[in-house]
Amino acid sequence: MRSFIVLLTVAAFAAHAGADQARENVIWNTAHNRIVPQMNNWFNDGDFPRCIQLLRIMHDLDPHDYTTTTDLGWMLGNVELPDQELELYQEYRQAYPKDPEAAYPEGQFYFLKKQYAKVPGIIAPTLELKPHPNSYRILAHSYESLGKLAEAKAVWEKLIADYPHEQAIATSRLNLKRVEQKLQKAGAGR
């Protein structure tokens, strides 16, 4: 662990000391390439506190790194610290409002907890940034779960328009058709 701390400290010092970007990248990549295999060992051994400690350090050094943020969040959830997981995701979304992926971890957190009413306020504003298709999916499914079928339909249509060649486009079209059928039934029942 001590050698990892030294590597991370050197990387942080290089970043703060005004090292040129190429040198900083080499230092960080070297540190990262040593950390990840060790963290995998700790994870496989069930040493989750040590994994979390190291992920926190990595996150502090590079708070914009999506993978580190989501890995840390997942680990916090894994050890049943959902309040810390949610706080991390909220801070990440607020720190990077122009990043189309920044809202997804928090939106997914609520979606997986079936707190569908919280998803639209977080994910809907990001659609103008054209986030990953999964953001559209959790938003559309949340709207549908809330009985907001017109909104769900609009999101499926936007996903299909924004990502016409996406791998799961056929599934998106099936979801759109299902929602349209529900809307027709709801209209016929009036």
N, C-alpha and C. Protein backbone atom coordinates (compact mmCIF):
# COMPACT_ATOMS: atom_id res chain seq x y z
N MET A 1 0.84 -1.19 0.00
CA MET A 1 0.00 0.00 0.00
C MET A 1 0.88 1.24 0.00
N ARG A 2 1.98 1.20 0.74
CA ARG A 2 2.83 2.37 0.84
C ARG A 2 3.36 2.80 -0.53
N SER A 3 3.76 1.84 -1.37
CA SER A 3 4.29 2.20 -2.69
C SER A 3 3.21 2.86 -3.54
N PHE A 4 1.94 2.45 -3.35
CA PHE A 4 0.87 3.08 -4.11
C PHE A 4 0.67 4.52 -3.66
N ILE A 5 0.74 4.73 -2.36
CA ILE A 5 0.60 6.08 -1.83
C ILE A 5 1.72 6.96 -2.37
N VAL A 6 2.94 6.43 -2.42
CA VAL A 6 4.07 7.20 -2.95
C VAL A 6 3.82 7.55 -4.41
N LEU A 7 3.39 6.57 -5.20
CA LEU A 7 3.11 6.83 -6.61
C LEU A 7 2.01 7.88 -6.77
N LEU A 8 0.96 7.76 -5.98
CA LEU A 8 -0.12 8.73 -6.07
C LEU A 8 0.33 10.11 -5.63
N THR A 9 1.17 10.16 -4.61
CA THR A 9 1.70 11.44 -4.15
C THR A 9 2.56 12.09 -5.22
N VAL A 10 3.39 11.30 -5.88
CA VAL A 10 4.21 11.82 -6.97
C VAL A 10 3.32 12.34 -8.09
N ALA A 11 2.28 11.59 -8.43
CA ALA A 11 1.37 12.02 -9.48
C ALA A 11 0.69 13.33 -9.10
N ALA A 12 0.24 13.42 -7.85
CA ALA A 12 -0.42 14.64 -7.40
C ALA A 12 0.56 15.81 -7.39
N PHE A 13 1.78 15.56 -6.93
CA PHE A 13 2.78 16.62 -6.90
C PHE A 13 3.08 17.11 -8.31
N ALA A 14 3.23 16.19 -9.23
CA ALA A 14 3.51 16.57 -10.62
C ALA A 14 2.38 17.43 -11.17
N ALA A 15 1.16 17.06 -10.83
CA ALA A 15 0.02 17.82 -11.33
C ALA A 15 0.00 19.23 -10.75
N HIS A 16 0.29 19.34 -9.46
CA HIS A 16 0.23 20.64 -8.80
C HIS A 16 1.49 21.48 -9.01
N ALA A 17 2.57 20.85 -9.36
CA ALA A 17 3.82 21.57 -9.53
C ALA A 17 3.95 22.16 -10.94
N GLY A 18 2.93 21.98 -11.75
CA GLY A 18 2.97 22.56 -13.09
C GLY A 18 3.74 21.70 -14.08
N ALA A 19 3.85 20.41 -13.83
CA ALA A 19 4.54 19.53 -14.77
C ALA A 19 3.81 19.58 -16.10
N ASP A 20 4.55 19.42 -17.17
CA ASP A 20 3.88 19.43 -18.46
C ASP A 20 2.93 18.25 -18.55
N GLN A 21 1.90 18.40 -19.37
CA GLN A 21 0.83 17.41 -19.44
C GLN A 21 1.33 16.02 -19.80
N ALA A 22 2.28 15.92 -20.71
CA ALA A 22 2.77 14.60 -21.13
C ALA A 22 3.44 13.88 -19.96
N ARG A 23 4.28 14.59 -19.21
CA ARG A 23 4.95 13.98 -18.06
C ARG A 23 3.94 13.60 -16.98
N GLU A 24 2.98 14.48 -16.75
CA GLU A 24 1.95 14.19 -15.76
C GLU A 24 1.17 12.94 -16.16
N ASN A 25 0.85 12.80 -17.43
CA ASN A 25 0.13 11.63 -17.91
C ASN A 25 0.94 10.35 -17.73
N VAL A 26 2.23 10.41 -17.99
CA VAL A 26 3.09 9.24 -17.82
C VAL A 26 3.12 8.82 -16.35
N ILE A 27 3.26 9.78 -15.47
CA ILE A 27 3.31 9.47 -14.03
C ILE A 27 1.98 8.87 -13.59
N TRP A 28 0.88 9.51 -13.98
CA TRP A 28 -0.42 9.02 -13.57
C TRP A 28 -0.69 7.63 -14.15
N ASN A 29 -0.39 7.42 -15.42
CA ASN A 29 -0.61 6.11 -16.03
C ASN A 29 0.22 5.03 -15.36
N THR A 30 1.45 5.35 -14.99
CA THR A 30 2.30 4.38 -14.30
C THR A 30 1.67 4.01 -12.95
N ALA A 31 1.24 5.01 -12.23
CA ALA A 31 0.60 4.75 -10.94
C ALA A 31 -0.68 3.94 -11.13
N HIS A 32 -1.48 4.36 -12.07
CA HIS A 32 -2.75 3.69 -12.32
C HIS A 32 -2.55 2.22 -12.73
N ASN A 33 -1.55 1.97 -13.57
CA ASN A 33 -1.28 0.61 -14.03
C ASN A 33 -0.79 -0.31 -12.91
N ARG A 34 -0.26 0.26 -11.85
CA ARG A 34 0.12 -0.56 -10.70
C ARG A 34 -1.03 -0.72 -9.72
N ILE A 35 -1.87 0.29 -9.64
CA ILE A 35 -2.96 0.28 -8.67
C ILE A 35 -4.05 -0.72 -9.06
N VAL A 36 -4.44 -0.71 -10.31
CA VAL A 36 -5.59 -1.52 -10.73
C VAL A 36 -5.40 -3.01 -10.48
N PRO A 37 -4.27 -3.60 -10.86
CA PRO A 37 -4.12 -5.04 -10.56
C PRO A 37 -4.13 -5.32 -9.05
N GLN A 38 -3.51 -4.43 -8.28
CA GLN A 38 -3.51 -4.64 -6.82
C GLN A 38 -4.93 -4.53 -6.28
N MET A 39 -5.68 -3.56 -6.77
CA MET A 39 -7.05 -3.41 -6.30
C MET A 39 -7.88 -4.64 -6.67
N ASN A 40 -7.64 -5.20 -7.84
CA ASN A 40 -8.34 -6.43 -8.23
C ASN A 40 -8.02 -7.57 -7.25
N ASN A 41 -6.77 -7.65 -6.83
CA ASN A 41 -6.39 -8.67 -5.84
C ASN A 41 -7.14 -8.45 -4.53
N TRP A 42 -7.17 -7.20 -4.07
CA TRP A 42 -7.87 -6.90 -2.82
C TRP A 42 -9.36 -7.20 -2.95
N PHE A 43 -9.92 -6.85 -4.09
CA PHE A 43 -11.33 -7.11 -4.31
C PHE A 43 -11.61 -8.61 -4.26
N ASN A 44 -10.79 -9.39 -4.96
CA ASN A 44 -10.97 -10.84 -4.98
C ASN A 44 -10.77 -11.46 -3.61
N ASP A 45 -9.95 -10.82 -2.78
CA ASP A 45 -9.74 -11.29 -1.41
C ASP A 45 -10.82 -10.79 -0.46
N GLY A 46 -11.72 -9.94 -0.94
CA GLY A 46 -12.78 -9.40 -0.10
C GLY A 46 -12.34 -8.25 0.77
N ASP A 47 -11.21 -7.65 0.46
CA ASP A 47 -10.71 -6.51 1.25
C ASP A 47 -11.30 -5.22 0.69
N PHE A 48 -12.62 -5.09 0.84
CA PHE A 48 -13.32 -3.95 0.28
C PHE A 48 -12.93 -2.61 0.92
N PRO A 49 -12.68 -2.56 2.24
CA PRO A 49 -12.26 -1.28 2.82
C PRO A 49 -10.98 -0.74 2.17
N ARG A 50 -10.04 -1.62 1.87
CA ARG A 50 -8.81 -1.17 1.24
C ARG A 50 -9.08 -0.67 -0.19
N CYS A 51 -9.96 -1.37 -0.90
CA CYS A 51 -10.35 -0.93 -2.25
C CYS A 51 -10.98 0.46 -2.19
N ILE A 52 -11.87 0.64 -1.24
CA ILE A 52 -12.54 1.94 -1.10
C ILE A 52 -11.54 3.03 -0.76
N GLN A 53 -10.62 2.72 0.13
CA GLN A 53 -9.60 3.71 0.50
C GLN A 53 -8.80 4.15 -0.72
N LEU A 54 -8.38 3.21 -1.52
CA LEU A 54 -7.59 3.53 -2.70
C LEU A 54 -8.43 4.26 -3.75
N LEU A 55 -9.68 3.84 -3.92
CA LEU A 55 -10.55 4.54 -4.87
C LEU A 55 -10.81 5.98 -4.43
N ARG A 56 -10.91 6.19 -3.13
CA ARG A 56 -11.09 7.58 -2.63
C ARG A 56 -9.86 8.43 -2.98
N ILE A 57 -8.69 7.86 -2.82
CA ILE A 57 -7.46 8.59 -3.15
C ILE A 57 -7.44 8.90 -4.65
N MET A 58 -7.74 7.88 -5.45
CA MET A 58 -7.75 8.09 -6.90
C MET A 58 -8.79 9.14 -7.29
N HIS A 59 -9.94 9.11 -6.64
CA HIS A 59 -10.99 10.08 -6.94
C HIS A 59 -10.56 11.49 -6.55
N ASP A 60 -9.90 11.61 -5.41
CA ASP A 60 -9.41 12.92 -4.99
C ASP A 60 -8.39 13.49 -5.98
N LEU A 61 -7.57 12.62 -6.54
CA LEU A 61 -6.56 13.07 -7.50
C LEU A 61 -7.16 13.41 -8.86
N ASP A 62 -8.20 12.71 -9.26
CA ASP A 62 -8.81 12.96 -10.56
C ASP A 62 -10.32 12.85 -10.41
N PRO A 63 -10.96 13.88 -9.85
CA PRO A 63 -12.39 13.79 -9.55
C PRO A 63 -13.28 13.71 -10.79
N HIS A 64 -12.76 14.04 -11.96
CA HIS A 64 -13.58 13.97 -13.18
C HIS A 64 -13.58 12.58 -13.79
N ASP A 65 -12.74 11.68 -13.31
CA ASP A 65 -12.66 10.33 -13.89
C ASP A 65 -13.95 9.57 -13.60
N TYR A 66 -14.73 9.34 -14.65
CA TYR A 66 -16.03 8.69 -14.53
C TYR A 66 -15.90 7.27 -13.99
N THR A 67 -14.93 6.53 -14.50
CA THR A 67 -14.77 5.14 -14.09
C THR A 67 -14.42 5.04 -12.61
N THR A 68 -13.50 5.86 -12.15
CA THR A 68 -13.14 5.84 -10.73
C THR A 68 -14.33 6.23 -9.88
N THR A 69 -15.07 7.25 -10.31
CA THR A 69 -16.24 7.69 -9.55
C THR A 69 -17.27 6.58 -9.45
N THR A 70 -17.58 5.95 -10.56
CA THR A 70 -18.61 4.91 -10.53
C THR A 70 -18.11 3.65 -9.82
N ASP A 71 -16.82 3.34 -9.94
CA ASP A 71 -16.26 2.21 -9.19
C ASP A 71 -16.36 2.46 -7.69
N LEU A 72 -16.00 3.66 -7.28
CA LEU A 72 -16.09 4.01 -5.86
C LEU A 72 -17.54 3.96 -5.40
N GLY A 73 -18.44 4.51 -6.19
CA GLY A 73 -19.85 4.47 -5.82
C GLY A 73 -20.36 3.06 -5.69
N TRP A 74 -19.99 2.21 -6.64
CA TRP A 74 -20.43 0.82 -6.60
C TRP A 74 -19.90 0.13 -5.34
N MET A 75 -18.64 0.39 -5.02
CA MET A 75 -18.07 -0.23 -3.82
C MET A 75 -18.78 0.26 -2.56
N LEU A 76 -19.09 1.54 -2.50
CA LEU A 76 -19.80 2.06 -1.34
C LEU A 76 -21.17 1.40 -1.21
N GLY A 77 -21.85 1.21 -2.33
CA GLY A 77 -23.12 0.50 -2.29
C GLY A 77 -22.94 -0.95 -1.91
N ASN A 78 -21.85 -1.54 -2.37
CA ASN A 78 -21.55 -2.95 -2.11
C ASN A 78 -21.36 -3.22 -0.62
N VAL A 79 -20.81 -2.26 0.10
CA VAL A 79 -20.60 -2.43 1.55
C VAL A 79 -21.72 -1.74 2.34
N GLU A 80 -22.82 -1.51 1.66
CA GLU A 80 -24.03 -0.97 2.26
C GLU A 80 -23.84 0.40 2.90
N LEU A 81 -23.25 1.29 2.11
CA LEU A 81 -23.13 2.70 2.48
C LEU A 81 -23.84 3.54 1.42
N PRO A 82 -25.16 3.34 1.24
CA PRO A 82 -25.86 4.02 0.16
C PRO A 82 -25.88 5.54 0.30
N ASP A 83 -25.85 6.06 1.51
CA ASP A 83 -25.84 7.51 1.68
C ASP A 83 -24.55 8.11 1.11
N GLN A 84 -23.43 7.44 1.36
CA GLN A 84 -22.16 7.92 0.82
C GLN A 84 -22.11 7.74 -0.70
N GLU A 85 -22.69 6.65 -1.18
CA GLU A 85 -22.75 6.41 -2.62
C GLU A 85 -23.54 7.53 -3.30
N LEU A 86 -24.71 7.84 -2.77
CA LEU A 86 -25.56 8.88 -3.35
C LEU A 86 -24.87 10.24 -3.28
N GLU A 87 -24.25 10.54 -2.16
CA GLU A 87 -23.56 11.83 -2.01
C GLU A 87 -22.45 11.98 -3.06
N LEU A 88 -21.71 10.92 -3.30
CA LEU A 88 -20.67 10.94 -4.32
C LEU A 88 -21.27 11.24 -5.69
N TYR A 89 -22.36 10.56 -6.04
CA TYR A 89 -22.99 10.77 -7.34
C TYR A 89 -23.56 12.18 -7.47
N GLN A 90 -24.14 12.69 -6.40
CA GLN A 90 -24.69 14.05 -6.44
C GLN A 90 -23.58 15.08 -6.64
N GLU A 91 -22.49 14.91 -5.91
CA GLU A 91 -21.35 15.83 -6.05
C GLU A 91 -20.79 15.77 -7.47
N TYR A 92 -20.70 14.59 -8.01
CA TYR A 92 -20.16 14.42 -9.37
C TYR A 92 -21.06 15.13 -10.39
N ARG A 93 -22.36 14.92 -10.29
CA ARG A 93 -23.29 15.57 -11.23
C ARG A 93 -23.21 17.08 -11.12
N GLN A 94 -23.15 17.59 -9.92
CA GLN A 94 -23.12 19.04 -9.72
C GLN A 94 -21.79 19.65 -10.16
N ALA A 95 -20.71 18.90 -10.03
CA ALA A 95 -19.39 19.42 -10.42
C ALA A 95 -19.21 19.48 -11.93
N TYR A 96 -19.93 18.63 -12.67
CA TYR A 96 -19.72 18.55 -14.12
C TYR A 96 -21.06 18.63 -14.87
N PRO A 97 -21.74 19.76 -14.77
CA PRO A 97 -23.07 19.87 -15.38
C PRO A 97 -23.09 19.78 -16.90
N LYS A 98 -21.97 20.02 -17.55
CA LYS A 98 -21.91 19.95 -19.01
C LYS A 98 -21.47 18.58 -19.52
N ASP A 99 -21.14 17.68 -18.61
CA ASP A 99 -20.75 16.33 -18.98
C ASP A 99 -22.03 15.52 -19.18
N PRO A 100 -22.28 15.00 -20.38
CA PRO A 100 -23.54 14.29 -20.62
C PRO A 100 -23.71 13.02 -19.79
N GLU A 101 -22.63 12.49 -19.24
CA GLU A 101 -22.72 11.25 -18.46
C GLU A 101 -22.76 11.50 -16.96
N ALA A 102 -22.56 12.73 -16.52
CA ALA A 102 -22.42 13.01 -15.09
C ALA A 102 -23.68 12.71 -14.28
N ALA A 103 -24.83 12.83 -14.88
CA ALA A 103 -26.08 12.60 -14.15
C ALA A 103 -26.47 11.12 -14.07
N TYR A 104 -25.92 10.31 -14.96
CA TYR A 104 -26.36 8.92 -15.04
C TYR A 104 -26.17 8.13 -13.74
N PRO A 105 -25.02 8.19 -13.07
CA PRO A 105 -24.89 7.38 -11.85
C PRO A 105 -25.96 7.69 -10.80
N GLU A 106 -26.26 8.96 -10.62
CA GLU A 106 -27.30 9.33 -9.65
C GLU A 106 -28.68 8.88 -10.14
N GLY A 107 -28.96 9.09 -11.41
CA GLY A 107 -30.23 8.65 -11.96
C GLY A 107 -30.41 7.15 -11.84
N GLN A 108 -29.36 6.41 -12.14
CA GLN A 108 -29.42 4.96 -12.05
C GLN A 108 -29.60 4.52 -10.59
N PHE A 109 -28.96 5.23 -9.67
CA PHE A 109 -29.11 4.93 -8.24
C PHE A 109 -30.59 4.95 -7.87
N TYR A 110 -31.28 6.04 -8.24
CA TYR A 110 -32.71 6.14 -7.91
C TYR A 110 -33.53 5.11 -8.68
N PHE A 111 -33.18 4.90 -9.94
CA PHE A 111 -33.92 3.94 -10.76
C PHE A 111 -33.86 2.53 -10.15
N LEU A 112 -32.65 2.11 -9.75
CA LEU A 112 -32.50 0.78 -9.17
C LEU A 112 -33.21 0.64 -7.82
N LYS A 113 -33.39 1.76 -7.14
CA LYS A 113 -34.11 1.75 -5.86
C LYS A 113 -35.62 1.96 -6.07
N LYS A 114 -36.03 2.00 -7.33
CA LYS A 114 -37.43 2.19 -7.73
C LYS A 114 -37.99 3.51 -7.24
N GLN A 115 -37.12 4.50 -7.14
CA GLN A 115 -37.55 5.86 -6.79
C GLN A 115 -37.69 6.64 -8.11
N TYR A 116 -38.64 6.18 -8.92
CA TYR A 116 -38.77 6.66 -10.29
C TYR A 116 -39.06 8.16 -10.37
N ALA A 117 -39.75 8.72 -9.40
CA ALA A 117 -40.10 10.13 -9.45
C ALA A 117 -38.87 11.04 -9.38
N LYS A 118 -37.76 10.53 -8.88
CA LYS A 118 -36.54 11.34 -8.78
C LYS A 118 -35.71 11.31 -10.07
N VAL A 119 -35.95 10.36 -10.93
CA VAL A 119 -35.13 10.19 -12.13
C VAL A 119 -35.33 11.32 -13.15
N PRO A 120 -36.56 11.72 -13.49
CA PRO A 120 -36.71 12.74 -14.54
C PRO A 120 -36.00 14.06 -14.27
N GLY A 121 -36.06 14.54 -13.05
CA GLY A 121 -35.41 15.81 -12.74
C GLY A 121 -33.90 15.77 -12.91
N ILE A 122 -33.33 14.59 -12.83
CA ILE A 122 -31.89 14.42 -12.94
C ILE A 122 -31.47 14.12 -14.38
N ILE A 123 -32.21 13.23 -15.04
CA ILE A 123 -31.80 12.76 -16.36
C ILE A 123 -32.37 13.62 -17.50
N ALA A 124 -33.62 14.04 -17.40
CA ALA A 124 -34.24 14.77 -18.52
C ALA A 124 -33.41 15.97 -19.00
N PRO A 125 -32.85 16.77 -18.11
CA PRO A 125 -32.06 17.92 -18.59
C PRO A 125 -30.81 17.53 -19.39
N THR A 126 -30.36 16.30 -19.24
CA THR A 126 -29.14 15.89 -19.94
C THR A 126 -29.39 15.46 -21.38
N LEU A 127 -30.65 15.23 -21.74
CA LEU A 127 -30.94 14.73 -23.09
C LEU A 127 -30.47 15.70 -24.17
N GLU A 128 -30.46 16.99 -23.86
CA GLU A 128 -29.96 17.96 -24.84
C GLU A 128 -28.46 17.80 -25.07
N LEU A 129 -27.76 17.14 -24.15
CA LEU A 129 -26.31 16.89 -24.29
C LEU A 129 -26.03 15.57 -25.01
N LYS A 130 -27.10 14.84 -25.33
CA LYS A 130 -27.01 13.54 -26.00
C LYS A 130 -26.13 12.56 -25.21
N PRO A 131 -26.62 12.16 -24.02
CA PRO A 131 -25.86 11.22 -23.19
C PRO A 131 -25.92 9.81 -23.77
N HIS A 132 -25.32 8.89 -23.07
CA HIS A 132 -25.34 7.47 -23.45
C HIS A 132 -26.81 7.02 -23.52
N PRO A 133 -27.13 6.11 -24.42
CA PRO A 133 -28.51 5.63 -24.54
C PRO A 133 -29.12 5.10 -23.23
N ASN A 134 -28.31 4.62 -22.31
CA ASN A 134 -28.86 4.12 -21.05
C ASN A 134 -29.57 5.22 -20.26
N SER A 135 -29.13 6.47 -20.42
CA SER A 135 -29.84 7.56 -19.75
C SER A 135 -31.26 7.68 -20.28
N TYR A 136 -31.42 7.57 -21.59
CA TYR A 136 -32.76 7.61 -22.19
C TYR A 136 -33.60 6.45 -21.65
N ARG A 137 -32.99 5.29 -21.57
CA ARG A 137 -33.74 4.10 -21.17
C ARG A 137 -34.28 4.22 -19.74
N ILE A 138 -33.43 4.62 -18.81
CA ILE A 138 -33.92 4.69 -17.43
C ILE A 138 -34.95 5.82 -17.29
N LEU A 139 -34.80 6.87 -18.09
CA LEU A 139 -35.78 7.95 -18.05
C LEU A 139 -37.12 7.48 -18.61
N ALA A 140 -37.10 6.83 -19.76
CA ALA A 140 -38.35 6.35 -20.37
C ALA A 140 -39.04 5.33 -19.48
N HIS A 141 -38.27 4.39 -18.93
CA HIS A 141 -38.87 3.39 -18.04
C HIS A 141 -39.41 4.05 -16.76
N SER A 142 -38.73 5.08 -16.27
CA SER A 142 -39.22 5.78 -15.08
C SER A 142 -40.54 6.47 -15.38
N TYR A 143 -40.59 7.17 -16.52
CA TYR A 143 -41.85 7.82 -16.90
C TYR A 143 -42.98 6.79 -17.01
N GLU A 144 -42.68 5.67 -17.64
CA GLU A 144 -43.70 4.65 -17.80
C GLU A 144 -44.15 4.11 -16.43
N SER A 145 -43.22 3.89 -15.54
CA SER A 145 -43.56 3.40 -14.19
C SER A 145 -44.41 4.42 -13.43
N LEU A 146 -44.23 5.69 -13.75
CA LEU A 146 -45.01 6.75 -13.11
C LEU A 146 -46.35 6.98 -13.80
N GLY A 147 -46.59 6.24 -14.90
CA GLY A 147 -47.84 6.42 -15.65
C GLY A 147 -47.80 7.60 -16.59
N LYS A 148 -46.64 8.16 -16.83
CA LYS A 148 -46.49 9.30 -17.74
C LYS A 148 -46.11 8.76 -19.12
N LEU A 149 -47.11 8.19 -19.77
CA LEU A 149 -46.86 7.47 -21.01
C LEU A 149 -46.47 8.39 -22.16
N ALA A 150 -47.05 9.57 -22.25
CA ALA A 150 -46.68 10.49 -23.32
C ALA A 150 -45.21 10.90 -23.20
N GLU A 151 -44.77 11.13 -21.99
CA GLU A 151 -43.37 11.48 -21.77
C GLU A 151 -42.45 10.30 -22.11
N ALA A 152 -42.86 9.10 -21.71
CA ALA A 152 -42.08 7.90 -22.02
C ALA A 152 -41.97 7.74 -23.54
N LYS A 153 -43.08 7.92 -24.23
CA LYS A 153 -43.09 7.81 -25.69
C LYS A 153 -42.11 8.82 -26.31
N ALA A 154 -42.15 10.04 -25.83
CA ALA A 154 -41.27 11.08 -26.37
C ALA A 154 -39.79 10.73 -26.16
N VAL A 155 -39.47 10.15 -25.02
CA VAL A 155 -38.08 9.78 -24.75
C VAL A 155 -37.64 8.63 -25.66
N TRP A 156 -38.51 7.62 -25.82
CA TRP A 156 -38.14 6.53 -26.74
C TRP A 156 -37.94 7.06 -28.15
N GLU A 157 -38.81 7.96 -28.59
CA GLU A 157 -38.67 8.55 -29.93
C GLU A 157 -37.36 9.33 -30.05
N LYS A 158 -37.01 10.06 -29.01
CA LYS A 158 -35.76 10.82 -29.03
C LYS A 158 -34.55 9.89 -29.06
N LEU A 159 -34.60 8.81 -28.29
CA LEU A 159 -33.51 7.84 -28.32
C LEU A 159 -33.33 7.27 -29.73
N ILE A 160 -34.42 6.89 -30.35
CA ILE A 160 -34.36 6.32 -31.70
C ILE A 160 -33.84 7.35 -32.70
N ALA A 161 -34.24 8.61 -32.54
CA ALA A 161 -33.76 9.66 -33.44
C ALA A 161 -32.29 9.99 -33.21
N ASP A 162 -31.89 10.04 -31.94
CA ASP A 162 -30.50 10.41 -31.61
C ASP A 162 -29.51 9.28 -31.88
N TYR A 163 -29.96 8.04 -31.75
CA TYR A 163 -29.07 6.88 -31.92
C TYR A 163 -29.71 5.83 -32.85
N PRO A 164 -29.93 6.18 -34.12
CA PRO A 164 -30.63 5.25 -35.02
C PRO A 164 -29.86 3.96 -35.29
N HIS A 165 -28.56 3.96 -35.08
CA HIS A 165 -27.75 2.77 -35.38
C HIS A 165 -27.23 2.10 -34.11
N GLU A 166 -27.81 2.46 -32.98
CA GLU A 166 -27.39 1.90 -31.70
C GLU A 166 -27.70 0.41 -31.68
N GLN A 167 -26.86 -0.33 -30.99
CA GLN A 167 -26.94 -1.79 -30.99
C GLN A 167 -28.32 -2.30 -30.54
N ALA A 168 -28.90 -1.69 -29.54
CA ALA A 168 -30.18 -2.17 -29.00
C ALA A 168 -31.37 -1.40 -29.58
N ILE A 169 -31.24 -0.87 -30.78
CA ILE A 169 -32.31 -0.05 -31.35
C ILE A 169 -33.60 -0.85 -31.53
N ALA A 170 -33.49 -2.12 -31.85
CA ALA A 170 -34.69 -2.94 -32.02
C ALA A 170 -35.47 -3.03 -30.71
N THR A 171 -34.76 -3.15 -29.61
CA THR A 171 -35.42 -3.20 -28.31
C THR A 171 -36.07 -1.86 -27.99
N SER A 172 -35.40 -0.78 -28.35
CA SER A 172 -35.98 0.56 -28.13
C SER A 172 -37.27 0.71 -28.92
N ARG A 173 -37.29 0.21 -30.15
CA ARG A 173 -38.50 0.28 -30.97
C ARG A 173 -39.63 -0.56 -30.36
N LEU A 174 -39.28 -1.70 -29.81
CA LEU A 174 -40.31 -2.53 -29.14
C LEU A 174 -40.87 -1.82 -27.91
N ASN A 175 -39.99 -1.16 -27.17
CA ASN A 175 -40.45 -0.40 -26.00
C ASN A 175 -41.37 0.74 -26.42
N LEU A 176 -41.01 1.42 -27.50
CA LEU A 176 -41.84 2.51 -28.02
C LEU A 176 -43.22 1.96 -28.42
N LYS A 177 -43.23 0.85 -29.12
CA LYS A 177 -44.49 0.25 -29.56
C LYS A 177 -45.36 -0.13 -28.36
N ARG A 178 -44.75 -0.70 -27.32
CA ARG A 178 -45.49 -1.07 -26.12
C ARG A 178 -46.14 0.16 -25.48
N VAL A 179 -45.37 1.25 -25.38
CA VAL A 179 -45.90 2.47 -24.77
C VAL A 179 -47.01 3.05 -25.64
N GLU A 180 -46.84 3.02 -26.95
CA GLU A 180 -47.89 3.52 -27.85
C GLU A 180 -49.17 2.71 -27.68
N GLN A 181 -49.04 1.39 -27.52
CA GLN A 181 -50.22 0.55 -27.31
C GLN A 181 -50.91 0.89 -25.99
N LYS A 182 -50.12 1.15 -24.97
CA LYS A 182 -50.69 1.55 -23.68
C LYS A 182 -51.43 2.90 -23.81
N LEU A 183 -50.85 3.81 -24.58
CA LEU A 183 -51.50 5.10 -24.79
C LEU A 183 -52.81 4.94 -25.54
N GLN A 184 -52.82 4.05 -26.54
CA GLN A 184 -54.05 3.80 -27.30
C GLN A 184 -55.13 3.22 -26.39
N LYS A 185 -54.75 2.26 -25.56
CA LYS A 185 -55.72 1.66 -24.64
C LYS A 185 -56.25 2.70 -23.65
N ALA A 186 -55.36 3.55 -23.17
CA ALA A 186 -55.77 4.59 -22.23
C ALA A 186 -56.73 5.57 -22.91
N GLY A 187 -56.47 5.88 -24.19
CA GLY A 187 -57.35 6.77 -24.93
C GLY A 187 -58.70 6.13 -25.23
N ALA A 188 -58.70 4.83 -25.49
CA ALA A 188 -59.95 4.12 -25.81
C ALA A 188 -60.81 3.95 -24.58
N GLY A 189 -60.21 3.95 -23.42
CA GLY A 189 -60.95 3.75 -22.18
C GLY A 189 -61.62 5.00 -21.67
N ARG A 190 -61.39 6.12 -22.34
CA ARG A 190 -61.98 7.39 -21.85
C ARG A 190 -63.36 7.59 -22.35
